N, C-alpha and C. Protein backbone atom coordinates (compact mmCIF):
# COMPACT_ATOMS: atom_id res chain seq x y z
N MET A 1 0.90 -1.37 0.04
CA MET A 1 0.08 0.31 0.40
C MET A 1 0.42 0.96 0.07
N PRO A 2 1.98 1.49 1.04
CA PRO A 2 2.48 2.78 0.46
C PRO A 2 3.77 2.76 -0.45
N ARG A 3 3.85 1.95 -0.93
CA ARG A 3 4.42 1.74 -2.82
C ARG A 3 3.69 2.08 -3.70
N ILE A 4 2.92 1.92 -3.67
CA ILE A 4 1.55 2.37 -4.38
C ILE A 4 1.45 4.15 -4.64
N LEU A 5 0.90 4.07 -2.48
CA LEU A 5 0.84 5.76 -2.69
C LEU A 5 1.81 6.49 -3.07
N ALA A 6 3.25 6.11 -2.80
CA ALA A 6 4.53 6.75 -3.37
C ALA A 6 4.69 7.02 -5.37
N GLY A 7 4.34 5.77 -5.42
CA GLY A 7 4.32 5.98 -7.00
C GLY A 7 3.58 6.63 -7.36
N ILE A 8 2.95 6.71 -6.76
CA ILE A 8 1.63 7.92 -7.49
C ILE A 8 2.14 9.21 -7.21
N LEU A 9 2.34 9.04 -6.08
CA LEU A 9 2.87 10.34 -5.92
C LEU A 9 4.22 10.90 -6.58
N VAL A 10 5.20 10.50 -6.63
CA VAL A 10 5.99 10.99 -7.62
C VAL A 10 6.01 10.54 -9.26
N SER A 11 4.63 10.21 -9.21
CA SER A 11 4.23 9.90 -10.79
C SER A 11 3.25 11.47 -10.88
N MET A 12 2.67 11.65 -9.95
CA MET A 12 2.46 13.48 -9.92
C MET A 12 2.87 13.91 -10.15
N LEU A 13 4.01 14.30 -9.27
CA LEU A 13 5.09 14.94 -10.46
C LEU A 13 5.75 15.39 -10.86
N LEU A 14 5.88 14.07 -11.64
CA LEU A 14 6.53 13.43 -13.02
C LEU A 14 5.47 14.03 -14.38
N PHE A 15 4.48 13.17 -14.61
CA PHE A 15 3.61 14.13 -15.39
C PHE A 15 2.61 14.88 -15.39
N VAL A 16 2.57 15.55 -14.02
CA VAL A 16 1.29 16.15 -14.10
C VAL A 16 1.89 17.20 -14.00
N ALA A 17 1.53 18.65 -14.97
CA ALA A 17 1.64 19.95 -15.04
C ALA A 17 1.61 20.69 -13.37
N VAL A 18 2.08 21.38 -13.60
CA VAL A 18 2.55 22.04 -11.94
C VAL A 18 2.47 23.25 -12.64
N ALA A 19 1.75 24.00 -11.74
CA ALA A 19 2.07 25.43 -11.75
C ALA A 19 3.46 26.47 -11.45
N MET A 20 3.66 27.24 -11.88
CA MET A 20 5.12 27.80 -12.18
C MET A 20 4.99 29.15 -10.95
N ALA A 21 5.38 29.28 -10.21
CA ALA A 21 5.84 29.70 -8.45
C ALA A 21 5.54 31.63 -9.42
N ASP A 22 5.28 31.94 -8.47
CA ASP A 22 4.81 33.45 -8.93
C ASP A 22 6.24 34.60 -9.25
N ASP A 23 7.06 33.70 -8.06
CA ASP A 23 8.01 34.70 -7.09
C ASP A 23 9.18 33.53 -7.02
N THR A 24 9.82 33.22 -6.55
CA THR A 24 11.26 32.90 -6.06
C THR A 24 11.42 33.59 -4.51
N GLU A 25 11.03 33.90 -3.96
CA GLU A 25 11.31 33.95 -2.28
C GLU A 25 10.36 33.63 -2.02
N LEU A 26 11.41 32.59 -1.18
CA LEU A 26 10.56 31.70 -0.24
C LEU A 26 9.05 31.48 1.00
N LYS A 27 7.93 31.14 1.05
CA LYS A 27 6.99 31.10 1.53
C LYS A 27 6.49 30.44 2.78
N GLU A 28 5.85 30.42 3.79
CA GLU A 28 5.78 29.57 4.51
C GLU A 28 4.39 29.31 4.13
N PHE A 29 4.61 28.29 3.65
CA PHE A 29 2.85 27.94 3.65
C PHE A 29 2.48 26.93 4.41
N ILE A 30 1.02 26.82 5.06
CA ILE A 30 0.81 25.78 5.96
C ILE A 30 -0.65 25.09 5.34
N SER A 31 -0.32 23.74 5.84
CA SER A 31 -1.66 22.49 5.25
C SER A 31 -3.00 22.68 6.47
N GLN A 32 -4.00 23.48 7.03
CA GLN A 32 -4.47 23.61 7.13
C GLN A 32 -5.25 21.63 7.92
N GLU A 33 -5.55 20.99 6.62
CA GLU A 33 -6.14 19.99 6.43
C GLU A 33 -5.23 18.60 6.64
N CYS A 34 -3.86 18.90 6.06
CA CYS A 34 -3.13 17.60 6.51
C CYS A 34 -2.01 18.06 7.98
N HIS A 35 -2.38 19.23 8.03
CA HIS A 35 -1.28 19.46 9.60
C HIS A 35 -0.17 20.13 9.10
N PHE A 36 1.01 20.18 8.17
CA PHE A 36 1.84 20.95 8.26
C PHE A 36 2.61 22.49 7.84
N ARG A 37 3.41 22.55 7.87
CA ARG A 37 3.92 24.01 7.21
C ARG A 37 5.14 23.45 6.70
N ILE A 38 5.68 24.59 6.08
CA ILE A 38 6.89 24.41 4.97
C ILE A 38 7.15 25.64 4.28
N LEU A 39 8.80 25.56 4.58
CA LEU A 39 8.61 27.24 3.32
C LEU A 39 8.97 25.97 2.29
N MET A 40 8.39 27.12 0.91
CA MET A 40 7.85 26.87 -0.06
C MET A 40 8.65 28.07 -1.22
N PRO A 41 9.27 28.38 -2.57
CA PRO A 41 9.85 29.16 -2.73
C PRO A 41 8.12 29.16 -4.24
N GLY A 42 7.40 30.16 -3.57
CA GLY A 42 6.51 29.84 -4.39
C GLY A 42 5.38 29.61 -3.60
N THR A 43 3.73 29.96 -4.03
CA THR A 43 2.32 29.01 -4.12
C THR A 43 2.77 28.27 -4.74
N PRO A 44 2.16 26.83 -3.63
CA PRO A 44 1.94 25.46 -3.87
C PRO A 44 1.10 25.35 -5.17
N GLN A 45 0.39 24.07 -6.52
CA GLN A 45 -0.66 23.86 -6.81
C GLN A 45 -0.84 22.57 -5.82
N ALA A 46 -2.54 22.58 -5.76
CA ALA A 46 -3.07 21.74 -4.68
C ALA A 46 -3.32 20.92 -5.35
N THR A 47 -2.85 19.02 -5.62
CA THR A 47 -4.22 18.51 -5.82
C THR A 47 -4.41 17.31 -4.61
N SER A 48 -5.67 16.91 -5.01
CA SER A 48 -5.58 15.46 -4.19
C SER A 48 -6.75 14.51 -5.26
N ARG A 49 -6.09 13.50 -4.89
CA ARG A 49 -7.27 12.54 -5.41
C ARG A 49 -7.14 11.05 -4.85
N GLY A 50 -7.85 10.18 -5.50
CA GLY A 50 -8.75 9.14 -4.36
C GLY A 50 -7.88 8.17 -5.08
N VAL A 51 -7.13 7.33 -4.36
CA VAL A 51 -6.01 6.26 -4.52
C VAL A 51 -6.69 4.88 -3.57
N PRO A 52 -7.41 3.93 -4.90
CA PRO A 52 -8.46 2.76 -4.23
C PRO A 52 -6.88 1.59 -3.80
N THR A 53 -6.93 1.38 -3.32
CA THR A 53 -6.26 0.75 -1.92
C THR A 53 -7.22 -1.53 -1.69
N SER A 54 -6.09 -2.28 -1.61
CA SER A 54 -7.48 -3.28 -1.03
C SER A 54 -7.35 -3.68 0.36
N SER A 55 -6.85 -1.88 0.76
CA SER A 55 -7.34 -1.73 2.13
C SER A 55 -8.36 -0.85 2.63
N GLY A 56 -9.36 0.09 1.41
CA GLY A 56 -10.12 0.69 0.50
C GLY A 56 -9.45 1.60 0.14
N THR A 57 -10.08 2.81 0.04
CA THR A 57 -9.72 4.33 -0.68
C THR A 57 -8.59 5.25 0.02
N PHE A 58 -8.00 5.79 -0.49
CA PHE A 58 -6.56 6.53 0.76
C PHE A 58 -7.06 8.09 -0.96
N ILE A 59 -7.23 9.10 0.48
CA ILE A 59 -7.11 10.89 -0.27
C ILE A 59 -5.17 10.49 -0.36
N LEU A 60 -4.96 11.41 -1.11
CA LEU A 60 -3.25 11.61 -1.45
C LEU A 60 -3.65 13.29 -2.11
N TYR A 61 -3.01 14.08 -1.16
CA TYR A 61 -2.76 15.24 -1.51
C TYR A 61 -1.58 16.14 -1.20
N SER A 62 -1.37 16.56 -2.83
CA SER A 62 0.13 16.96 -3.42
C SER A 62 0.05 18.28 -3.60
N PHE A 63 1.21 19.20 -3.36
CA PHE A 63 1.29 20.47 -2.99
C PHE A 63 2.59 20.80 -3.12
N VAL A 64 2.98 21.12 -4.67
CA VAL A 64 3.67 21.86 -5.61
C VAL A 64 4.13 22.75 -6.07
N VAL A 65 5.61 23.49 -5.89
CA VAL A 65 5.54 24.35 -6.56
C VAL A 65 7.05 24.29 -7.67
N ALA A 66 7.14 24.99 -8.87
CA ALA A 66 8.55 24.50 -9.69
C ALA A 66 8.73 25.59 -10.13
N PRO A 67 9.37 26.31 -9.81
CA PRO A 67 9.56 27.71 -10.18
C PRO A 67 11.09 27.59 -11.35
N GLU A 68 10.64 28.69 -12.43
CA GLU A 68 11.70 28.73 -13.74
C GLU A 68 12.29 28.61 -13.40
N ASN A 69 13.59 27.18 -13.88
CA ASN A 69 15.20 27.07 -13.64
C ASN A 69 15.45 26.66 -12.36
N ASP A 70 14.69 26.15 -11.87
CA ASP A 70 15.13 25.68 -10.55
C ASP A 70 14.36 24.19 -10.23
N ALA A 71 14.77 23.04 -9.22
CA ALA A 71 14.28 22.39 -9.03
C ALA A 71 12.59 22.11 -8.67
N THR A 72 11.71 21.15 -8.76
CA THR A 72 10.90 20.77 -8.05
C THR A 72 10.42 20.64 -6.71
N TYR A 73 9.75 21.28 -5.72
CA TYR A 73 10.01 21.06 -4.51
C TYR A 73 8.04 20.35 -4.49
N MET A 74 7.67 19.78 -3.79
CA MET A 74 7.07 19.36 -3.49
C MET A 74 6.25 18.37 -1.85
N VAL A 75 5.20 18.20 -1.49
CA VAL A 75 4.82 18.07 0.06
C VAL A 75 3.26 17.34 -0.30
N GLY A 76 3.52 15.81 -0.27
CA GLY A 76 2.77 14.63 -0.29
C GLY A 76 2.45 14.40 1.21
N SER A 77 0.79 14.13 1.41
CA SER A 77 0.19 13.90 2.76
C SER A 77 -1.54 13.03 2.16
N THR A 78 -0.96 10.95 2.92
CA THR A 78 -2.07 10.61 2.95
C THR A 78 -2.10 9.86 4.44
N ASP A 79 -3.34 9.94 4.49
CA ASP A 79 -4.11 9.55 5.67
C ASP A 79 -4.35 8.37 5.65
N TYR A 80 -3.81 6.73 6.22
CA TYR A 80 -3.69 5.41 6.27
C TYR A 80 -5.29 5.18 6.75
N GLY A 81 -5.56 6.02 8.12
CA GLY A 81 -6.64 5.79 8.69
C GLY A 81 -6.06 4.55 9.65
N ALA A 82 -7.08 3.85 10.48
CA ALA A 82 -6.62 2.84 11.50
C ALA A 82 -6.59 1.33 11.46
N ALA A 83 -6.33 1.50 9.46
CA ALA A 83 -6.29 0.47 8.45
C ALA A 83 -5.23 0.35 8.24
N ASN A 84 -4.73 0.65 8.72
CA ASN A 84 -2.63 0.00 8.22
C ASN A 84 -2.07 0.04 9.93
N LEU A 85 -1.98 -1.20 9.58
CA LEU A 85 -1.13 -1.88 11.14
C LEU A 85 0.07 -2.00 10.89
N ASN A 86 0.74 -2.12 10.13
CA ASN A 86 2.64 -2.12 9.96
C ASN A 86 2.94 -1.17 10.82
N PRO A 87 4.02 -1.50 11.64
CA PRO A 87 5.02 -0.50 11.80
C PRO A 87 5.24 1.09 11.22
N PRO A 88 5.94 1.85 11.38
CA PRO A 88 6.38 2.81 11.01
C PRO A 88 7.40 2.25 9.88
N GLN A 89 8.84 1.96 10.58
CA GLN A 89 9.65 1.77 9.51
C GLN A 89 9.46 1.07 8.74
N ALA A 90 8.10 0.06 8.45
CA ALA A 90 7.64 -1.07 7.43
C ALA A 90 7.11 0.26 6.20
N VAL A 91 6.07 0.95 6.73
CA VAL A 91 5.95 2.01 6.35
C VAL A 91 6.53 2.77 5.44
N LEU A 92 7.40 3.17 5.85
CA LEU A 92 8.62 4.25 5.23
C LEU A 92 9.33 3.24 4.39
N GLU A 93 9.88 2.72 4.53
CA GLU A 93 10.21 1.48 3.76
C GLU A 93 9.72 1.25 2.79
N GLY A 94 8.36 0.85 2.36
CA GLY A 94 8.05 0.32 1.43
C GLY A 94 7.53 2.57 1.09
N ALA A 95 7.69 2.83 1.40
CA ALA A 95 7.25 4.47 0.80
C ALA A 95 8.58 4.77 -0.37
N ARG A 96 9.58 4.62 0.37
CA ARG A 96 11.13 4.60 0.08
C ARG A 96 11.42 3.71 -1.22
N ASP A 97 10.39 2.54 -1.28
CA ASP A 97 10.77 1.21 -2.13
C ASP A 97 10.25 1.75 -3.55
N GLY A 98 9.03 1.96 -3.02
CA GLY A 98 7.80 2.78 -4.05
C GLY A 98 7.97 3.13 -5.06
N ALA A 99 8.94 4.76 -4.08
CA ALA A 99 9.21 5.66 -5.22
C ALA A 99 10.40 5.49 -5.61
N VAL A 100 11.56 4.94 -5.28
CA VAL A 100 13.00 4.38 -6.12
C VAL A 100 12.12 3.40 -7.35
N ALA A 101 11.06 2.84 -7.08
CA ALA A 101 10.89 1.90 -7.88
C ALA A 101 9.89 2.04 -9.12
N ASN A 102 9.12 3.11 -9.07
CA ASN A 102 8.03 3.96 -9.79
C ASN A 102 8.94 4.72 -10.88
N VAL A 103 9.92 5.27 -10.74
CA VAL A 103 10.79 6.36 -11.17
C VAL A 103 11.96 5.41 -12.11
N ALA A 104 11.79 3.85 -12.25
CA ALA A 104 12.88 3.49 -12.44
C ALA A 104 14.31 3.76 -11.87
N GLY A 105 14.94 3.90 -10.79
CA GLY A 105 15.80 5.44 -9.85
C GLY A 105 16.30 3.79 -9.21
N THR A 106 17.80 4.48 -8.70
CA THR A 106 18.79 3.34 -8.51
C THR A 106 18.67 4.57 -6.83
N LEU A 107 18.61 3.16 -5.63
CA LEU A 107 18.89 3.60 -4.93
C LEU A 107 20.46 4.32 -4.08
N LEU A 108 20.49 5.82 -4.14
CA LEU A 108 21.79 6.21 -3.96
C LEU A 108 22.34 6.32 -1.99
N THR A 109 21.57 6.81 -1.53
CA THR A 109 21.47 7.03 -0.11
C THR A 109 20.02 6.65 0.70
N ASP A 110 20.20 6.36 2.06
CA ASP A 110 19.63 6.05 2.82
C ASP A 110 19.80 5.72 4.09
N THR A 111 18.95 7.13 5.19
CA THR A 111 19.32 7.12 6.48
C THR A 111 17.47 6.99 7.50
N VAL A 112 17.76 6.09 8.53
CA VAL A 112 16.93 6.77 9.20
C VAL A 112 16.66 7.61 10.17
N ILE A 113 15.88 9.00 10.53
CA ILE A 113 15.78 10.41 10.42
C ILE A 113 15.00 10.57 11.36
N SER A 114 14.39 11.29 12.05
CA SER A 114 13.53 11.50 13.28
C SER A 114 12.98 13.37 12.77
N LEU A 115 12.24 13.64 13.01
CA LEU A 115 11.62 15.08 13.38
C LEU A 115 10.82 15.07 14.64
N ASN A 116 11.35 16.02 15.63
CA ASN A 116 10.94 16.40 16.68
C ASN A 116 10.03 14.75 17.24
N GLY A 117 10.75 13.29 16.79
CA GLY A 117 10.27 11.97 17.49
C GLY A 117 9.27 11.48 16.62
N VAL A 118 9.41 12.01 15.85
CA VAL A 118 8.88 11.62 14.32
C VAL A 118 9.45 10.37 13.47
N PRO A 119 8.93 9.28 13.93
CA PRO A 119 10.29 8.46 12.46
C PRO A 119 10.48 9.07 11.13
N GLY A 120 11.31 8.82 10.19
CA GLY A 120 11.25 9.22 8.96
C GLY A 120 12.29 8.30 8.59
N ARG A 121 12.46 8.61 7.35
CA ARG A 121 13.37 8.04 6.05
C ARG A 121 14.32 9.12 5.30
N ALA A 122 15.74 9.37 5.15
CA ALA A 122 15.62 10.55 4.11
C ALA A 122 16.86 9.58 3.30
N PHE A 123 16.43 10.02 1.40
CA PHE A 123 16.94 9.05 0.73
C PHE A 123 16.79 10.30 -0.45
N THR A 124 18.14 9.28 -1.11
CA THR A 124 18.51 9.86 -2.27
C THR A 124 18.26 8.49 -3.47
N ALA A 125 17.52 9.06 -4.86
CA ALA A 125 17.63 7.59 -6.34
C ALA A 125 17.63 8.76 -6.95
N ARG A 126 18.26 8.36 -8.26
CA ARG A 126 18.88 8.80 -9.45
C ARG A 126 18.01 7.59 -10.41
N ASN A 127 17.07 8.52 -11.07
CA ASN A 127 16.97 7.26 -12.72
C ASN A 127 17.41 7.64 -13.52
N GLN A 128 17.23 6.52 -14.61
CA GLN A 128 18.11 6.49 -15.79
C GLN A 128 18.07 7.58 -16.97
N ASP A 129 17.51 8.37 -16.85
CA ASP A 129 17.91 9.79 -17.41
C ASP A 129 18.20 10.93 -16.65
N GLY A 130 19.09 10.85 -15.35
CA GLY A 130 19.76 11.62 -14.49
C GLY A 130 19.03 12.44 -13.84
N PHE A 131 17.63 11.95 -13.97
CA PHE A 131 17.07 13.12 -12.61
C PHE A 131 16.81 12.52 -10.78
N TYR A 132 17.30 13.63 -10.15
CA TYR A 132 17.63 13.27 -8.50
C TYR A 132 16.63 13.54 -7.93
N PHE A 133 16.02 12.52 -6.90
CA PHE A 133 15.15 12.27 -5.75
C PHE A 133 15.45 12.36 -4.78
N ASP A 134 14.90 13.56 -4.23
CA ASP A 134 16.00 13.85 -2.71
C ASP A 134 14.76 13.58 -1.64
N ALA A 135 14.60 13.02 -0.82
CA ALA A 135 13.00 12.42 -0.06
C ALA A 135 13.01 12.57 1.17
N HIS A 136 12.69 13.31 2.10
CA HIS A 136 12.17 12.88 3.63
C HIS A 136 10.39 12.38 3.35
N VAL A 137 10.98 11.12 4.36
CA VAL A 137 9.26 11.15 4.47
C VAL A 137 9.27 10.77 6.23
N TYR A 138 7.83 11.02 6.87
CA TYR A 138 7.68 11.35 7.66
C TYR A 138 5.84 9.63 8.44
N TYR A 139 6.00 9.02 9.22
CA TYR A 139 4.77 8.09 9.57
C TYR A 139 4.42 9.00 10.73
N VAL A 140 3.43 9.11 11.01
CA VAL A 140 2.75 9.57 12.24
C VAL A 140 1.45 9.29 12.55
N ASN A 141 0.90 8.90 13.82
CA ASN A 141 -0.84 8.59 14.04
C ASN A 141 -1.00 7.70 12.02
N HIS A 142 -0.89 6.80 11.51
CA HIS A 142 -1.10 6.48 10.19
C HIS A 142 -1.15 7.65 9.78
N HIS A 143 0.01 8.49 9.49
CA HIS A 143 -0.44 9.66 7.89
C HIS A 143 1.09 9.42 7.75
N LEU A 144 1.26 9.31 6.31
CA LEU A 144 2.46 9.46 5.09
C LEU A 144 2.63 10.83 4.73
N TYR A 145 3.73 11.76 5.55
CA TYR A 145 4.26 12.39 4.69
C TYR A 145 4.89 12.30 3.99
N GLN A 146 5.28 13.21 3.18
CA GLN A 146 6.14 12.80 1.55
C GLN A 146 7.56 14.38 1.53
N VAL A 147 8.24 14.90 1.48
CA VAL A 147 8.71 15.64 1.07
C VAL A 147 9.73 15.69 0.30
N LEU A 148 9.97 16.33 -1.16
CA LEU A 148 10.30 15.84 -1.83
C LEU A 148 10.84 16.92 -3.13
N ILE A 149 11.70 16.80 -3.55
CA ILE A 149 12.72 18.20 -4.55
C ILE A 149 12.89 17.07 -5.74
N VAL A 150 13.02 16.90 -6.59
CA VAL A 150 13.31 16.74 -8.07
C VAL A 150 13.76 17.32 -8.53
N THR A 151 15.56 17.34 -8.90
CA THR A 151 16.13 18.08 -9.56
C THR A 151 17.31 17.47 -10.99
N SER A 152 17.47 17.91 -12.09
CA SER A 152 17.88 17.92 -13.00
C SER A 152 19.22 17.33 -12.91
N LYS A 153 20.03 16.80 -13.96
CA LYS A 153 20.89 15.97 -14.45
C LYS A 153 22.47 16.96 -13.13
N ASN A 154 22.57 18.00 -13.02
CA ASN A 154 22.91 18.93 -12.40
C ASN A 154 22.97 18.45 -10.56
N ASN A 155 22.15 18.19 -10.30
CA ASN A 155 21.50 17.94 -8.48
C ASN A 155 21.25 19.08 -7.93
N SER A 156 21.15 20.38 -8.97
CA SER A 156 21.32 21.75 -8.34
C SER A 156 19.38 21.75 -7.50
N ALA A 157 19.48 22.59 -6.45
CA ALA A 157 18.05 22.87 -5.99
C ALA A 157 18.81 24.31 -4.90
N LYS A 158 18.09 25.45 -5.50
CA LYS A 158 18.29 26.63 -4.58
C LYS A 158 18.09 26.21 -3.75
N TYR A 159 16.17 26.29 -3.26
CA TYR A 159 16.28 26.39 -1.54
C TYR A 159 16.02 24.52 -1.14
N ARG A 160 16.69 23.83 -2.06
CA ARG A 160 17.05 22.70 -0.84
C ARG A 160 16.78 22.26 0.70
N ASP A 161 17.68 23.24 1.64
CA ASP A 161 17.95 22.39 2.60
C ASP A 161 17.45 23.96 3.11
N ALA A 162 16.48 25.22 3.51
CA ALA A 162 15.54 25.60 3.33
C ALA A 162 14.47 24.85 3.32
N PHE A 163 13.80 24.23 2.85
CA PHE A 163 12.53 23.59 1.79
C PHE A 163 12.76 22.20 2.75
N MET A 164 14.32 21.66 2.92
CA MET A 164 13.41 20.14 3.60
C MET A 164 13.83 20.59 5.36
N ASN A 165 14.24 21.42 5.56
CA ASN A 165 14.57 21.53 6.82
C ASN A 165 13.48 22.20 8.00
N SER A 166 12.82 22.72 6.56
CA SER A 166 11.64 23.60 7.48
C SER A 166 10.36 23.10 7.60
N PHE A 167 10.61 21.36 6.82
CA PHE A 167 8.91 20.70 7.63
C PHE A 167 8.87 20.93 8.72
N THR A 168 7.26 20.83 9.14
CA THR A 168 7.04 20.68 10.38
C THR A 168 5.32 20.26 10.80
N ILE A 169 5.46 19.33 11.32
CA ILE A 169 3.82 18.69 11.53
C ILE A 169 3.56 19.27 12.81
N ARG A 170 2.24 19.44 12.43
CA ARG A 170 1.30 20.36 13.67
C ARG A 170 0.16 19.15 14.01
């Protein structure tokens, strides 16, 4: 289940047209519905869609900004509800594996992390076209959060550190 959702999230990032940022200043974005805040380089395009799984249909929310001549910045959120009984690290590993498999990528780095006690994983993958995918995923109270940057072959993202380090769960 986490692999399916992670794959869909990365697919949306790669194949869905995203809004260009109004400007390149970092702005605080708060999602009341998904209970997080983050600094993003512009106003994100928000989408949501139902994802059918064997455990029911889950709503996948994504918030994407793609500033001109820079990386694509995205936050995804899915609430599995009580249907998911897997331990947090299993969910996080599934999200990582699903994301890497979906982009036909190679896992370059993988580290266990936490965010104020919330279990997480940080990983980087590169696909056959040379795009890099840097992600932090967190799982708390049946809720999966994905913070993702997609960069071109030069793996440059002007706001990488500010974006990745500003994510907080509310």
